[in-house]
Protein backbone atom coordinates (compact mmCIF):
# COMPACT_ATOMS: atom_id res chain seq x y z
CA MET A 1 36.25 85.99 80.79
CA ILE A 2 39.60 84.26 80.25
CA PRO A 3 40.07 81.24 82.54
CA ASP A 4 42.97 81.26 84.99
CA ARG A 5 43.90 77.68 84.17
CA THR A 6 46.14 76.09 81.58
CA ILE A 7 44.94 73.32 79.29
CA ASP A 8 46.07 70.68 81.79
CA GLY A 9 44.27 72.35 84.71
CA ALA A 10 47.22 74.09 86.33
CA ARG A 11 46.61 77.61 87.55
CA SER A 12 48.60 80.17 85.59
CA CYS A 13 49.63 81.92 88.83
CA ASP A 14 51.45 78.70 89.84
CA MET A 15 53.58 78.82 86.70
CA TYR A 16 56.89 80.58 86.11
CA LYS A 17 58.14 81.68 82.69
CA ILE A 18 61.73 80.83 81.86
CA TYR A 19 63.97 81.67 78.92
CA CYS A 20 65.94 78.54 78.04
CA ASP A 21 69.44 78.62 76.55
CA CYS A 22 67.98 77.25 73.29
CA GLY A 23 65.77 80.33 72.94
CA ASN A 24 62.45 78.81 74.01
CA ILE A 25 60.23 80.66 76.47
CA VAL A 26 58.20 78.13 78.45
CA SER A 27 56.00 78.03 81.52
CA LEU A 28 57.16 75.69 84.27
CA ASP A 29 55.77 74.87 87.70
CA LYS A 30 57.05 77.34 90.30
CA GLY A 31 57.91 74.54 92.72
CA THR A 32 60.07 72.81 90.13
CA VAL A 33 61.91 76.01 89.25
CA ARG A 34 62.45 76.82 92.94
CA MET A 35 63.84 73.34 93.66
CA LYS A 36 66.19 73.45 90.66
CA LYS A 37 67.56 76.80 91.79
CA LEU A 38 68.03 75.56 95.38
CA LEU A 39 69.99 72.58 94.03
CA LYS A 40 71.99 74.96 91.78
CA LYS A 41 70.86 73.05 88.68
CA ALA A 42 70.11 74.54 85.30
CA VAL A 43 66.48 75.33 84.63
CA GLU A 44 65.79 74.17 81.09
CA CYS A 45 62.84 73.70 78.78
CA PRO A 46 61.37 70.20 78.34
CA LEU A 47 63.01 69.81 74.91
CA CYS A 48 66.51 70.52 76.24
CA ARG A 49 65.87 68.38 79.32
CA ASN A 50 64.75 65.41 77.22
CA PHE A 51 67.71 65.82 74.86
CA ARG A 52 70.17 65.97 77.80
CA ILE A 53 68.66 62.92 79.51
CA SER A 54 68.68 60.97 76.24
CA ASN A 55 72.38 61.74 75.74
CA GLU A 56 73.17 60.73 79.33
CA ILE A 57 71.32 57.43 78.94
CA ASP A 58 73.13 56.72 75.66
CA LEU A 59 76.47 57.46 77.32
CA ILE A 60 75.74 55.18 80.27
CA ASN A 61 74.56 52.40 77.93
CA ASN A 62 77.76 52.70 75.86
CA ILE A 63 79.89 52.50 78.99
CA PHE A 64 78.11 49.38 80.24
CA ASP A 65 78.11 47.77 76.78
CA GLY A 66 81.86 48.24 76.60
CA THR A 67 81.65 50.31 73.42
CA LEU A 68 82.94 53.42 75.15
CA ASP A 69 85.87 53.74 77.50
CA GLU A 70 84.69 55.42 80.72
CA GLU A 71 88.05 57.13 81.28
CA ALA A 72 88.03 58.62 77.77
CA THR A 73 84.86 60.61 78.56
CA ALA A 74 86.26 62.24 81.71
């Protein structure tokens, strides 16, 4: 019998499959996907999310360091 749980213990029925813009098909928690859609935010795979957050942190650091003009990015 195939277990109904993922490797981290989550039940597979609590997961939702998404197709990310990058082409990845991943399973995400249904609650997370539901909340993102309610907030009208993009649902993305962990790789794209981490890449986006990294770029945002770099941008904020450059603005505060004075190496990037805040008005030039708008």
